[in-house]
Amino acid sequence: MELTVYVARTIHTMNASMPQATAVAVSDGRIVEVGTLESLKPWLDAHPHIIDRRFEKHVLMPGFIDPHLHPTLGAILMPCHFITAMEWVLPDRTCPAVGTHAAYLERLTEIETGLADPQEVLITWGFHRIWHGNVDREALNRVSATRPIFVWQRSFHEIIANDAAIDWMGIDRADLERHPQIDLPSGRFYETGLAVAMQAVNRIVLEPARFARGLELVKRTVHLGGHTTIGELAYPLADDAREWDVLVRSLERDDVPFRMKIIPRAALRGTWSGDVAKDLERVEGFAERRTHRLFFGNAVKLFADGGFFAELMQMRDPGFIDGHHGEWLTEPAAFETLARAFWMAGKQLHVHCTGDMGVELALDVLQKLQDEKPRFNHRFTIEHFGVSNPEQVRRMRDLGAIVSANVYYVHELGEAYWINSIGYERASQMARLGSLERTGVTFAVHSDFTMAPAMPLNSAWVAVNRIAESGTVLCPEETVSLDAAMRAITIDAAYVLGLEDRIGSIRAGKMADFTVLEADPWETPLVDLRDIPIWGTVFEGTPFPIAT
């Protein structure tokens, strides 16, 4: 056995038994021992070794983990034109913030007139009515009456089309008018209606060369964030055969410094057929697929209520300020049927919940399942965790549920939803991670990329500060400790994915995955946490600097 010993200014192991070290020995992709050069001496005396001092002025953390990031979604959207209320810095471009109705339509018109091919379908992403007003079918018709235009709402749960786009889809308008989640007069295709639109849009967004180009941008994005492991939470997005082929060709390569655990959907996108046995068989079939970097496990993804950015989460009284109602992605009776089938099959259930009524449905069903077939260490995971109440947090603890939260909601949506959607009390308390920490509920944070930037330090920054877009701090009582925030992107994120015995901390026997930082989070002011430069990563013992 030949050892490589990385020496660092500080190594934060995220292992309470040995929280800090200055040297770590690795061999064949795994950690042999962590400590100091002096404590490693027996290993060094017994085996040939190299002392690598390139990180002696840097700080090593366990490789960052995003337990809920969608490479396929990113690959579909990143080649699109971004028109968003917040600035987005992407590997190939920076997209400036567009914050008004007039500015949105001006930018959309500028893009449309700049396209050389009059037949090219225009697809944009990032629209949100709170900033951009009423951009509907007629507004898009005024931008172009002949070019198909699709405007993907910020959530991805909704798309808006002009008449040329609706005609281009080639679907009988009478069939579209009968669909309960398609509003043809406004051109809105939302939740299950989105699946109808995507049957046509997939011809463009899943075209192999375009999709592969999008995945290359996602690979660069993931590395820039310092990740060594990500979770794909809801596979397939649209088309298993096409997606799997491109994922393997793009990600199963020696130059890709991260792995991906894939969680399949309990039911495919769109209206559920009701055939539970067929869904179980489909999910079990994925277990046979495994490459070195891509693998499935014993988990499955279910969906409760609608998209958070789309304001389609299901809210308990008093609901939304404007009186509109949320949507179910899976009707409650169907959700319970699916959850029971996969629970009885011994699966870990990850449940998309965005509103407090969605959380209540998930916990009600979990209570029934525990009554019918009690399970320990089941890791029933509430995903996103937008709006909740304190009593639900306590109930999660009692039922053994855990959380993977999109805490970025606080930064981008906290003030917008306070003023325009659900009022100050509930908006300021969204993603109530402080309650989870106090109550002892294990939680991770995620990006749900592209719902948030794929930057774990940015998510940790929101968690410890709760700084909204304007700089206002929203509900400081729900901030978390720095230690909890860093656990949420390392060892606790590994726990959510069921991989804590392999990754998430730096100890003997685990994979040699490290994120290399140029400053110490524990010596950095909390308000500057997201600005810590990332040198790169070490994946399975091999350094991967971020290209400059």
Protein backbone atom coordinates (compact mmCIF):
# COMPACT_ATOMS: atom_id res chain seq x y z
CA MET A 1 0.00 0.00 0.00
CA GLU A 2 1.31 3.42 -0.98
CA LEU A 3 0.09 6.45 0.94
CA THR A 4 -0.44 10.06 -0.01
CA VAL A 5 -0.51 12.36 3.00
CA TYR A 6 -2.18 15.72 2.54
CA VAL A 7 -1.03 18.34 5.02
CA ALA A 8 -3.33 21.29 5.67
CA ARG A 9 -3.49 24.33 7.92
CA THR A 10 -6.64 22.88 9.45
CA ILE A 11 -8.78 19.86 8.71
CA HIS A 12 -12.34 20.05 10.02
CA THR A 13 -13.34 16.39 10.16
CA MET A 14 -17.02 16.84 11.21
CA ASN A 15 -16.32 13.94 13.56
CA ALA A 16 -16.86 15.00 17.18
CA SER A 17 -14.35 12.43 18.44
CA MET A 18 -11.54 14.20 16.57
CA PRO A 19 -12.92 17.51 15.31
CA GLN A 20 -9.67 18.94 13.94
CA ALA A 21 -6.48 17.61 12.40
CA THR A 22 -3.63 18.75 10.20
CA ALA A 23 -2.83 15.68 8.10
CA VAL A 24 -4.78 12.94 6.37
CA ALA A 25 -3.37 9.80 4.75
CA VAL A 26 -5.17 8.30 1.78
CA SER A 27 -4.68 5.24 -0.38
CA ASP A 28 -6.68 3.81 -3.27
CA GLY A 29 -9.36 6.48 -2.91
CA ARG A 30 -10.00 5.97 0.80
CA ILE A 31 -8.87 7.57 4.05
CA VAL A 32 -6.34 5.48 5.97
CA GLU A 33 -6.06 7.77 8.98
CA VAL A 34 -6.48 11.40 9.93
CA GLY A 35 -4.51 13.24 12.62
CA THR A 36 -1.06 14.86 12.56
CA LEU A 37 2.18 13.84 10.90
CA GLU A 38 3.32 12.68 14.34
CA SER A 39 0.24 10.54 15.02
CA LEU A 40 0.42 9.06 11.50
CA LYS A 41 4.04 7.96 12.03
CA PRO A 42 3.31 4.21 12.44
CA TRP A 43 1.64 4.17 9.02
CA LEU A 44 4.42 6.20 7.46
CA ASP A 45 7.10 3.94 8.92
CA ALA A 46 5.34 0.87 7.57
CA HIS A 47 4.43 2.00 4.04
CA PRO A 48 5.93 3.99 1.18
CA HIS A 49 4.41 7.44 1.15
CA ILE A 50 4.36 10.93 -0.33
CA ILE A 51 3.88 14.02 1.81
CA ASP A 52 1.82 16.46 -0.28
CA ARG A 53 1.99 19.98 1.13
CA ARG A 54 -0.01 21.83 -1.54
CA PHE A 55 -2.81 22.48 1.01
CA GLU A 56 -0.66 23.53 3.95
CA LYS A 57 -2.14 27.06 3.79
CA HIS A 58 -5.65 25.80 3.09
CA VAL A 59 -8.52 24.35 5.10
CA LEU A 60 -9.94 20.90 4.33
CA MET A 61 -13.56 19.96 4.91
CA PRO A 62 -15.35 16.74 4.03
CA GLY A 63 -16.44 16.98 0.41
CA PHE A 64 -19.59 19.09 0.21
CA ILE A 65 -22.82 17.22 -0.44
CA ASP A 66 -26.00 18.53 -2.02
CA PRO A 67 -28.62 15.86 -1.31
CA HIS A 68 -31.17 17.36 -3.68
CA LEU A 69 -29.81 18.72 -6.94
CA HIS A 70 -31.20 17.96 -10.40
CA PRO A 71 -28.47 17.61 -13.05
CA THR A 72 -31.08 16.73 -15.67
CA LEU A 73 -33.13 19.82 -14.84
CA GLY A 74 -30.00 21.93 -14.99
CA ALA A 75 -29.02 20.39 -18.31
CA ILE A 76 -32.45 21.26 -19.72
CA LEU A 77 -32.53 24.83 -18.43
CA MET A 78 -28.95 26.09 -18.60
CA PRO A 79 -28.93 26.32 -22.43
CA CYS A 80 -32.13 28.39 -22.19
CA HIS A 81 -32.24 32.16 -21.97
CA PHE A 82 -32.29 33.22 -18.29
CA ILE A 83 -34.52 36.20 -17.43
CA THR A 84 -34.69 36.24 -13.65
CA ALA A 85 -35.31 38.63 -10.77
CA MET A 86 -31.90 37.78 -9.28
CA GLU A 87 -28.52 37.87 -10.97
CA TRP A 88 -27.25 34.43 -11.94
CA VAL A 89 -23.56 33.75 -12.39
CA LEU A 90 -23.22 30.68 -14.62
CA PRO A 91 -20.05 28.99 -15.84
CA ASP A 92 -20.49 30.43 -19.34
CA ARG A 93 -22.22 33.78 -18.67
CA THR A 94 -23.64 36.19 -16.13
CA CYS A 95 -27.35 36.93 -16.39
CA PRO A 96 -28.26 40.35 -14.93
CA ALA A 97 -31.27 40.78 -12.68
CA VAL A 98 -34.52 41.79 -14.40
CA GLY A 99 -36.99 43.06 -11.83
CA THR A 100 -40.02 44.67 -13.51
CA HIS A 101 -42.78 43.81 -15.97
CA ALA A 102 -41.55 46.31 -18.56
CA ALA A 103 -37.92 45.18 -18.23
CA TYR A 104 -38.95 41.55 -18.58
CA LEU A 105 -40.85 42.10 -21.82
CA GLU A 106 -38.08 44.35 -23.12
CA ARG A 107 -35.46 41.66 -22.50
CA LEU A 108 -37.67 38.94 -24.00
CA THR A 109 -38.25 41.07 -27.11
CA GLU A 110 -34.53 41.76 -27.37
CA ILE A 111 -33.80 38.02 -27.33
CA GLU A 112 -36.54 37.27 -29.86
CA THR A 113 -35.41 39.88 -32.37
CA GLY A 114 -31.82 38.72 -31.99
CA LEU A 115 -32.55 35.17 -33.19
CA ALA A 116 -31.41 34.70 -36.77
CA ASP A 117 -33.62 31.69 -37.55
CA PRO A 118 -37.31 32.71 -37.70
CA GLN A 119 -38.29 29.07 -37.04
CA GLU A 120 -36.25 28.70 -33.84
CA VAL A 121 -38.35 27.99 -30.75
CA LEU A 122 -37.58 30.48 -27.98
CA ILE A 123 -37.43 29.03 -24.45
CA THR A 124 -36.73 31.22 -21.43
CA TRP A 125 -36.52 30.44 -17.71
CA GLY A 126 -36.90 32.54 -14.57
CA PHE A 127 -40.27 34.30 -14.85
CA HIS A 128 -42.03 35.13 -11.57
CA ARG A 129 -45.25 37.14 -11.43
CA ILE A 130 -44.29 39.00 -8.22
CA TRP A 131 -41.47 40.75 -10.06
CA HIS A 132 -42.55 40.40 -13.70
CA GLY A 133 -46.30 40.90 -13.55
CA ASN A 134 -48.83 39.26 -15.86
CA VAL A 135 -46.85 37.65 -18.67
CA ASP A 136 -49.49 35.47 -20.31
CA ARG A 137 -50.37 34.09 -23.74
CA GLU A 138 -51.50 37.45 -25.09
CA ALA A 139 -48.38 39.23 -23.82
CA LEU A 140 -46.23 36.62 -25.55
CA ASN A 141 -48.28 36.95 -28.73
CA ARG A 142 -47.37 40.63 -28.76
CA VAL A 143 -43.68 39.74 -28.58
CA SER A 144 -44.14 37.44 -31.59
CA ALA A 145 -47.23 36.10 -33.30
CA THR A 146 -45.22 33.66 -35.42
CA ARG A 147 -42.33 32.36 -33.31
CA PRO A 148 -43.18 29.68 -30.68
CA ILE A 149 -42.30 31.14 -27.27
CA PHE A 150 -42.23 29.14 -24.05
CA VAL A 151 -41.67 30.96 -20.75
CA TRP A 152 -40.68 28.61 -17.95
CA GLN A 153 -41.76 29.92 -14.57
CA ARG A 154 -39.03 30.23 -11.94
CA SER A 155 -40.23 27.03 -10.24
CA PHE A 156 -40.06 24.81 -13.38
CA HIS A 157 -43.52 23.62 -12.28
CA GLU A 158 -45.23 25.88 -14.84
CA ILE A 159 -44.72 26.96 -18.44
CA ILE A 160 -46.51 29.70 -20.39
CA ALA A 161 -46.94 29.51 -24.16
CA ASN A 162 -48.04 31.86 -26.93
CA ASP A 163 -50.42 30.75 -29.67
CA ALA A 164 -47.58 29.84 -32.02
CA ALA A 165 -46.13 27.58 -29.32
CA ILE A 166 -49.48 25.95 -28.59
CA ASP A 167 -49.92 25.24 -32.31
CA TRP A 168 -46.32 23.98 -32.54
CA MET A 169 -47.04 21.44 -29.80
CA GLY A 170 -49.46 19.68 -32.15
CA ILE A 171 -52.00 18.77 -29.47
CA ASP A 172 -55.73 19.16 -30.05
CA ARG A 173 -56.85 22.32 -28.24
CA ALA A 174 -60.05 20.64 -27.12
CA ASP A 175 -57.96 18.08 -25.22
CA LEU A 176 -55.94 20.87 -23.64
CA GLU A 177 -59.08 22.72 -22.55
CA ARG A 178 -60.32 19.63 -20.69
CA HIS A 179 -57.13 19.22 -18.62
CA PRO A 180 -57.64 20.39 -14.99
CA GLN A 181 -54.16 21.95 -14.72
CA ILE A 182 -54.02 23.73 -18.07
CA ASP A 183 -55.46 27.23 -18.43
CA LEU A 184 -55.52 27.72 -22.20
CA PRO A 185 -56.76 31.35 -22.22
CA SER A 186 -53.67 32.43 -20.25
CA GLY A 187 -51.40 29.85 -21.90
CA ARG A 188 -50.49 28.31 -18.50
CA PHE A 189 -49.48 24.65 -18.24
CA TYR A 190 -48.83 23.90 -14.58
CA GLU A 191 -48.04 20.86 -12.39
CA THR A 192 -49.48 17.81 -14.22
CA GLY A 193 -50.32 20.12 -17.13
CA LEU A 194 -46.60 20.82 -17.46
CA ALA A 195 -46.10 17.13 -18.29
CA VAL A 196 -48.40 17.62 -21.29
CA ALA A 197 -46.38 20.58 -22.57
CA MET A 198 -43.11 18.75 -21.99
CA GLN A 199 -44.15 15.95 -24.32
CA ALA A 200 -43.57 18.50 -27.08
CA VAL A 201 -40.83 20.62 -25.53
CA ASN A 202 -38.71 17.51 -24.95
CA ARG A 203 -38.09 17.39 -28.70
CA ILE A 204 -35.86 20.41 -28.18
CA VAL A 205 -34.55 20.25 -24.62
CA LEU A 206 -33.62 16.55 -24.76
CA GLU A 207 -32.02 16.73 -28.21
CA PRO A 208 -28.77 14.80 -27.52
CA ALA A 209 -26.23 17.48 -28.46
CA ARG A 210 -28.10 20.25 -26.59
CA PHE A 211 -28.67 18.06 -23.54
CA ALA A 212 -25.01 17.00 -23.44
CA ARG A 213 -23.97 20.66 -23.68
CA GLY A 214 -26.24 21.45 -20.76
CA LEU A 215 -24.74 18.63 -18.71
CA GLU A 216 -21.25 20.00 -19.32
CA LEU A 217 -22.40 23.29 -17.79
CA VAL A 218 -23.92 21.41 -14.85
CA LYS A 219 -20.64 19.52 -14.28
CA ARG A 220 -18.75 22.80 -14.10
CA THR A 221 -21.39 24.28 -11.79
CA VAL A 222 -21.23 21.32 -9.39
CA HIS A 223 -17.44 21.52 -9.20
CA LEU A 224 -17.47 25.29 -8.69
CA GLY A 225 -19.65 24.74 -5.61
CA GLY A 226 -17.11 22.36 -4.06
CA HIS A 227 -19.33 19.27 -4.27
CA THR A 228 -18.04 15.72 -4.28
CA THR A 229 -21.49 14.06 -3.96
CA ILE A 230 -24.91 15.10 -5.19
CA GLY A 231 -28.35 13.53 -5.07
CA GLU A 232 -30.68 13.44 -8.07
CA LEU A 233 -34.07 13.60 -6.38
CA ALA A 234 -36.75 12.53 -8.90
CA TYR A 235 -35.51 10.41 -11.77
CA PRO A 236 -36.35 10.50 -14.61
CA LEU A 237 -37.27 14.10 -15.21
CA ALA A 238 -38.93 13.32 -18.52
CA ASP A 239 -37.46 10.38 -20.48
CA ASP A 240 -35.51 7.57 -18.81
CA ALA A 241 -33.86 6.09 -21.89
CA ARG A 242 -32.52 9.37 -23.26
CA GLU A 243 -31.55 10.78 -19.88
CA TRP A 244 -29.69 7.70 -18.61
CA ASP A 245 -27.66 7.32 -21.79
CA VAL A 246 -26.44 10.92 -21.73
CA LEU A 247 -25.86 10.90 -17.97
CA VAL A 248 -23.58 7.88 -18.23
CA ARG A 249 -21.64 9.24 -21.21
CA SER A 250 -21.25 12.67 -19.61
CA LEU A 251 -20.65 11.83 -15.95
CA GLU A 252 -19.00 8.42 -15.87
CA ARG A 253 -15.59 9.82 -16.78
CA ASP A 254 -12.29 10.15 -14.97
CA ASP A 255 -12.42 13.95 -15.22
CA VAL A 256 -15.71 14.17 -13.26
CA PRO A 257 -14.87 14.83 -9.58
CA PHE A 258 -18.19 13.86 -8.01
CA ARG A 259 -20.64 10.97 -7.67
CA MET A 260 -24.44 10.99 -7.85
CA LYS A 261 -27.01 8.97 -5.95
CA ILE A 262 -30.23 8.77 -7.92
CA ILE A 263 -33.66 8.61 -6.28
CA PRO A 264 -36.42 7.45 -8.66
CA ARG A 265 -39.94 8.80 -8.73
CA ALA A 266 -42.60 6.66 -7.09
CA ALA A 267 -44.90 7.65 -9.96
CA LEU A 268 -43.89 9.16 -13.26
CA ARG A 269 -44.56 12.85 -13.96
CA GLY A 270 -48.14 13.53 -14.93
CA THR A 271 -51.38 11.82 -13.97
CA TRP A 272 -50.83 8.68 -11.91
CA SER A 273 -52.12 5.48 -13.52
CA GLY A 274 -53.07 3.85 -10.22
CA ASP A 275 -51.00 0.72 -10.92
CA VAL A 276 -48.87 0.46 -7.77
CA ALA A 277 -47.42 -2.90 -8.70
CA LYS A 278 -46.14 -1.49 -11.98
CA ASP A 279 -44.53 1.44 -10.18
CA LEU A 280 -42.85 -0.87 -7.67
CA GLU A 281 -41.51 -3.03 -10.48
CA ARG A 282 -40.16 0.00 -12.34
CA VAL A 283 -38.42 1.37 -9.25
CA GLU A 284 -36.93 -2.01 -8.31
CA GLY A 285 -35.57 -2.32 -11.85
CA PHE A 286 -33.35 0.70 -11.33
CA ALA A 287 -31.40 -1.11 -8.60
CA GLU A 288 -29.56 -3.10 -11.25
CA ARG A 289 -28.06 0.04 -12.77
CA ARG A 290 -24.75 1.12 -11.31
CA THR A 291 -21.59 2.69 -12.57
CA HIS A 292 -18.76 3.98 -10.41
CA ARG A 293 -20.22 7.50 -10.18
CA LEU A 294 -23.93 6.87 -10.80
CA PHE A 295 -25.96 4.57 -8.61
CA PHE A 296 -29.41 3.99 -7.17
CA GLY A 297 -30.25 2.92 -3.62
CA ASN A 298 -33.26 1.95 -1.54
CA ALA A 299 -35.10 5.26 -1.69
CA VAL A 300 -37.99 6.72 -3.66
CA LYS A 301 -39.41 10.21 -4.23
CA LEU A 302 -43.05 11.15 -3.69
CA PHE A 303 -44.77 14.49 -4.25
CA ALA A 304 -47.35 16.17 -2.04
CA ASP A 305 -48.21 19.76 -2.94
CA GLY A 306 -47.20 22.16 -5.71
CA GLY A 307 -44.16 24.28 -6.42
CA PHE A 308 -42.98 26.86 -3.88
CA PHE A 309 -41.67 29.40 -6.40
CA ALA A 310 -44.93 28.92 -8.32
CA GLU A 311 -46.97 29.80 -5.21
CA LEU A 312 -48.80 26.52 -5.67
CA MET A 313 -47.96 25.11 -2.26
CA GLN A 314 -50.98 23.94 -0.28
CA MET A 315 -51.55 26.30 2.64
CA ARG A 316 -53.64 25.79 5.73
CA ASP A 317 -55.88 28.65 6.83
CA PRO A 318 -55.61 31.58 6.36
CA GLY A 319 -54.06 30.62 3.01
CA PHE A 320 -52.83 33.22 0.53
CA ILE A 321 -53.44 36.95 0.78
CA ASP A 322 -55.05 37.08 -2.69
CA GLY A 323 -57.30 34.09 -1.96
CA HIS A 324 -55.91 31.73 -4.59
CA HIS A 325 -55.43 28.07 -3.75
CA GLY A 326 -52.46 25.77 -4.07
CA GLU A 327 -52.38 22.51 -6.00
CA TRP A 328 -51.73 18.88 -5.20
CA LEU A 329 -49.02 17.23 -7.27
CA THR A 330 -50.46 13.95 -6.02
CA GLU A 331 -54.01 13.84 -4.73
CA PRO A 332 -54.03 12.89 -1.04
CA ALA A 333 -55.67 9.48 -1.53
CA ALA A 334 -53.22 8.55 -4.29
CA PHE A 335 -50.31 9.88 -2.21
CA GLU A 336 -51.30 7.63 0.69
CA THR A 337 -51.63 4.60 -1.60
CA LEU A 338 -48.19 5.16 -3.12
CA ALA A 339 -46.55 5.88 0.22
CA ARG A 340 -48.02 2.72 1.77
CA ALA A 341 -46.82 0.51 -1.07
CA PHE A 342 -43.23 1.76 -0.93
CA TRP A 343 -43.17 1.88 2.88
CA MET A 344 -44.25 -1.77 3.04
CA ALA A 345 -41.49 -2.55 0.51
CA GLY A 346 -38.97 -1.09 2.96
CA LYS A 347 -38.06 2.01 0.97
CA GLN A 348 -36.84 5.33 2.35
CA LEU A 349 -39.47 7.89 1.37
CA HIS A 350 -38.41 11.39 0.29
CA VAL A 351 -41.49 13.61 0.09
CA HIS A 352 -41.69 16.93 -1.75
CA CYS A 353 -43.57 19.24 0.67
CA THR A 354 -43.69 23.01 0.24
CA GLY A 355 -46.71 24.29 2.18
CA ASP A 356 -47.85 23.53 5.72
CA MET A 357 -50.80 21.54 4.39
CA GLY A 358 -48.39 19.46 2.31
CA VAL A 359 -46.29 18.82 5.42
CA GLU A 360 -49.45 17.89 7.33
CA LEU A 361 -50.46 15.36 4.66
CA ALA A 362 -47.01 13.77 4.75
CA LEU A 363 -47.00 13.52 8.55
CA ASP A 364 -50.56 12.20 8.69
CA VAL A 365 -49.64 9.43 6.27
CA LEU A 366 -46.40 8.69 8.13
CA GLN A 367 -48.41 8.31 11.34
CA LYS A 368 -50.71 5.78 9.65
CA LEU A 369 -47.77 3.84 8.21
CA GLN A 370 -46.04 3.70 11.59
CA ASP A 371 -49.27 2.41 13.13
CA GLU A 372 -49.59 -0.27 10.45
CA LYS A 373 -45.93 -1.33 10.20
CA PRO A 374 -43.60 0.36 12.70
CA ARG A 375 -40.10 0.98 11.38
CA PHE A 376 -36.97 2.34 13.03
CA ASN A 377 -34.37 4.48 11.28
CA HIS A 378 -36.72 4.83 8.32
CA ARG A 379 -35.47 8.37 7.48
CA PHE A 380 -38.78 9.56 6.05
CA THR A 381 -37.54 12.87 4.63
CA ILE A 382 -39.50 16.09 4.20
CA GLU A 383 -37.98 17.73 1.12
CA HIS A 384 -37.92 21.54 0.69
CA PHE A 385 -39.80 22.39 3.92
CA GLY A 386 -41.05 25.79 2.79
CA VAL A 387 -43.89 26.72 5.15
CA SER A 388 -44.48 24.75 8.34
CA ASN A 389 -45.50 25.40 11.93
CA PRO A 390 -43.72 24.71 15.23
CA GLU A 391 -46.07 21.88 16.17
CA GLN A 392 -45.16 20.02 12.98
CA VAL A 393 -41.48 20.16 13.92
CA ARG A 394 -42.18 18.46 17.22
CA ARG A 395 -44.33 15.89 15.44
CA MET A 396 -41.49 15.15 13.01
CA ARG A 397 -39.23 14.36 15.91
CA ASP A 398 -41.84 12.07 17.47
CA LEU A 399 -42.39 10.20 14.19
CA GLY A 400 -38.69 9.93 13.32
CA ALA A 401 -38.89 12.15 10.22
CA ILE A 402 -35.91 14.17 9.00
CA VAL A 403 -35.63 17.19 6.71
CA SER A 404 -33.77 18.28 3.59
CA ALA A 405 -34.54 21.98 3.31
CA ASN A 406 -34.17 24.63 0.64
CA VAL A 407 -33.22 27.45 3.01
CA TYR A 408 -32.46 29.74 0.05
CA TYR A 409 -36.21 30.44 -0.06
CA VAL A 410 -35.61 32.88 2.81
CA HIS A 411 -33.17 34.97 0.80
CA GLU A 412 -35.01 35.27 -2.51
CA LEU A 413 -38.65 34.85 -1.49
CA GLY A 414 -38.89 35.89 2.16
CA GLU A 415 -39.70 39.56 1.61
CA ALA A 416 -41.57 38.98 -1.66
CA TYR A 417 -43.91 36.47 -0.03
CA TRP A 418 -44.29 38.67 3.08
CA ILE A 419 -45.64 41.54 0.96
CA ASN A 420 -47.37 39.70 -1.87
CA SER A 421 -48.25 36.16 -0.86
CA ILE A 422 -48.63 34.88 2.71
CA GLY A 423 -47.82 37.77 5.07
CA TYR A 424 -44.91 38.47 7.39
CA GLU A 425 -45.42 35.84 10.10
CA ARG A 426 -45.29 32.77 7.88
CA ALA A 427 -42.96 34.21 5.23
CA SER A 428 -40.34 35.23 7.78
CA GLN A 429 -40.40 31.76 9.36
CA MET A 430 -40.11 29.72 6.16
CA ALA A 431 -37.48 26.97 6.33
CA ARG A 432 -37.54 27.04 10.15
CA LEU A 433 -34.19 25.33 10.67
CA GLY A 434 -33.60 26.85 14.11
CA SER A 435 -36.62 24.93 15.39
CA LEU A 436 -35.23 21.73 13.89
CA GLU A 437 -31.86 22.25 15.60
CA ARG A 438 -33.47 23.00 18.97
CA THR A 439 -35.83 20.02 18.71
CA GLY A 440 -33.15 17.57 17.60
CA VAL A 441 -34.49 16.81 14.12
CA THR A 442 -31.66 15.92 11.72
CA PHE A 443 -31.61 18.21 8.70
CA ALA A 444 -29.60 18.92 5.58
CA VAL A 445 -29.79 21.87 3.21
CA HIS A 446 -29.97 21.62 -0.56
CA SER A 447 -30.18 23.78 -3.67
CA ASP A 448 -32.79 21.90 -5.71
CA PHE A 449 -30.74 23.42 -8.54
CA THR A 450 -31.89 25.50 -10.40
CA MET A 451 -34.24 26.61 -7.62
CA ALA A 452 -31.19 27.94 -5.78
CA PRO A 453 -27.55 28.37 -6.77
CA ALA A 454 -25.60 25.13 -6.44
CA MET A 455 -23.36 26.64 -3.77
CA PRO A 456 -23.38 24.84 -0.39
CA LEU A 457 -21.59 27.71 1.32
CA ASN A 458 -24.34 30.04 0.09
CA SER A 459 -27.01 27.76 1.59
CA ALA A 460 -25.06 27.60 4.87
CA TRP A 461 -24.79 31.42 4.78
CA VAL A 462 -28.57 31.77 4.54
CA ALA A 463 -29.05 29.22 7.34
CA VAL A 464 -26.82 31.05 9.84
CA ASN A 465 -27.87 34.60 8.88
CA ARG A 466 -31.37 34.49 7.29
CA ILE A 467 -30.53 37.61 5.31
CA ALA A 468 -33.19 38.49 2.74
CA GLU A 469 -32.65 40.16 -0.63
CA SER A 470 -32.70 43.71 0.80
CA GLY A 471 -30.33 42.85 3.66
CA THR A 472 -33.10 42.51 6.24
CA VAL A 473 -32.75 39.62 8.69
CA LEU A 474 -35.91 37.52 8.74
CA CYS A 475 -36.78 35.73 11.98
CA PRO A 476 -33.34 35.52 13.60
CA GLU A 477 -34.83 32.98 16.03
CA GLU A 478 -34.73 30.47 13.15
CA THR A 479 -31.02 30.88 12.43
CA VAL A 480 -28.83 27.86 13.18
CA SER A 481 -25.36 27.45 14.62
CA LEU A 482 -22.39 27.38 12.26
CA ASP A 483 -21.68 23.80 13.29
CA ALA A 484 -25.23 22.75 12.36
CA ALA A 485 -25.01 24.57 9.02
CA MET A 486 -21.71 22.90 8.11
CA ARG A 487 -23.07 19.51 9.18
CA ALA A 488 -26.05 20.20 6.90
CA ILE A 489 -23.75 20.24 3.85
CA THR A 490 -21.51 17.36 4.99
CA ILE A 491 -22.30 14.55 7.44
CA ASP A 492 -26.01 15.26 7.90
CA ALA A 493 -26.47 15.55 4.14
CA ALA A 494 -24.78 12.15 3.86
CA TYR A 495 -27.23 10.83 6.46
CA VAL A 496 -30.21 12.04 4.42
CA LEU A 497 -28.86 10.10 1.43
CA GLY A 498 -28.10 7.01 3.51
CA LEU A 499 -24.39 7.33 2.72
CA GLU A 500 -23.02 8.43 6.10
CA ASP A 501 -20.84 5.32 6.42
CA ARG A 502 -19.01 6.22 3.19
CA ILE A 503 -18.87 10.01 3.03
CA GLY A 504 -19.66 13.20 4.97
CA SER A 505 -16.82 13.22 7.49
CA ILE A 506 -13.09 12.67 7.48
CA ARG A 507 -12.23 9.46 9.28
CA ALA A 508 -10.48 6.16 8.62
CA GLY A 509 -12.24 4.00 6.05
CA LYS A 510 -14.33 6.67 4.34
CA MET A 511 -13.91 7.91 0.80
CA ALA A 512 -11.08 10.44 0.45
CA ASP A 513 -13.37 13.32 -0.54
CA PHE A 514 -12.40 16.82 0.57
CA THR A 515 -13.45 20.37 -0.22
CA VAL A 516 -10.45 22.71 -0.15
CA LEU A 517 -11.16 26.18 1.21
CA GLU A 518 -8.94 29.24 1.27
CA ALA A 519 -10.30 30.43 4.64
CA ASP A 520 -11.65 28.74 7.75
CA PRO A 521 -15.46 28.95 8.19
CA TRP A 522 -14.96 28.95 11.98
CA GLU A 523 -12.66 31.97 11.73
CA THR A 524 -14.80 33.88 9.20
CA PRO A 525 -17.57 36.34 10.14
CA LEU A 526 -20.90 34.63 9.52
CA VAL A 527 -21.96 37.36 7.10
CA ASP A 528 -18.94 36.51 4.92
CA LEU A 529 -19.39 32.73 4.95
CA ARG A 530 -20.61 32.46 1.36
CA ASP A 531 -17.63 34.47 0.09
CA ILE A 532 -14.96 31.98 1.20
CA PRO A 533 -13.01 31.07 -1.96
CA ILE A 534 -12.96 27.40 -2.93
CA TRP A 535 -9.64 26.11 -4.27
CA GLY A 536 -11.25 22.96 -5.57
CA THR A 537 -11.86 19.44 -4.34
CA VAL A 538 -10.17 16.12 -3.73
CA PHE A 539 -12.31 13.29 -5.06
CA GLU A 540 -11.38 9.78 -4.00
CA GLY A 541 -7.85 10.95 -3.27
CA THR A 542 -7.25 12.90 -6.50
CA PRO A 543 -7.06 16.74 -6.41
CA PHE A 544 -9.29 18.63 -8.82
CA PRO A 545 -8.53 22.37 -8.77
CA ILE A 546 -11.20 24.71 -10.06
CA ALA A 547 -10.10 25.96 -13.46
CA THR A 548 -9.44 29.68 -13.57
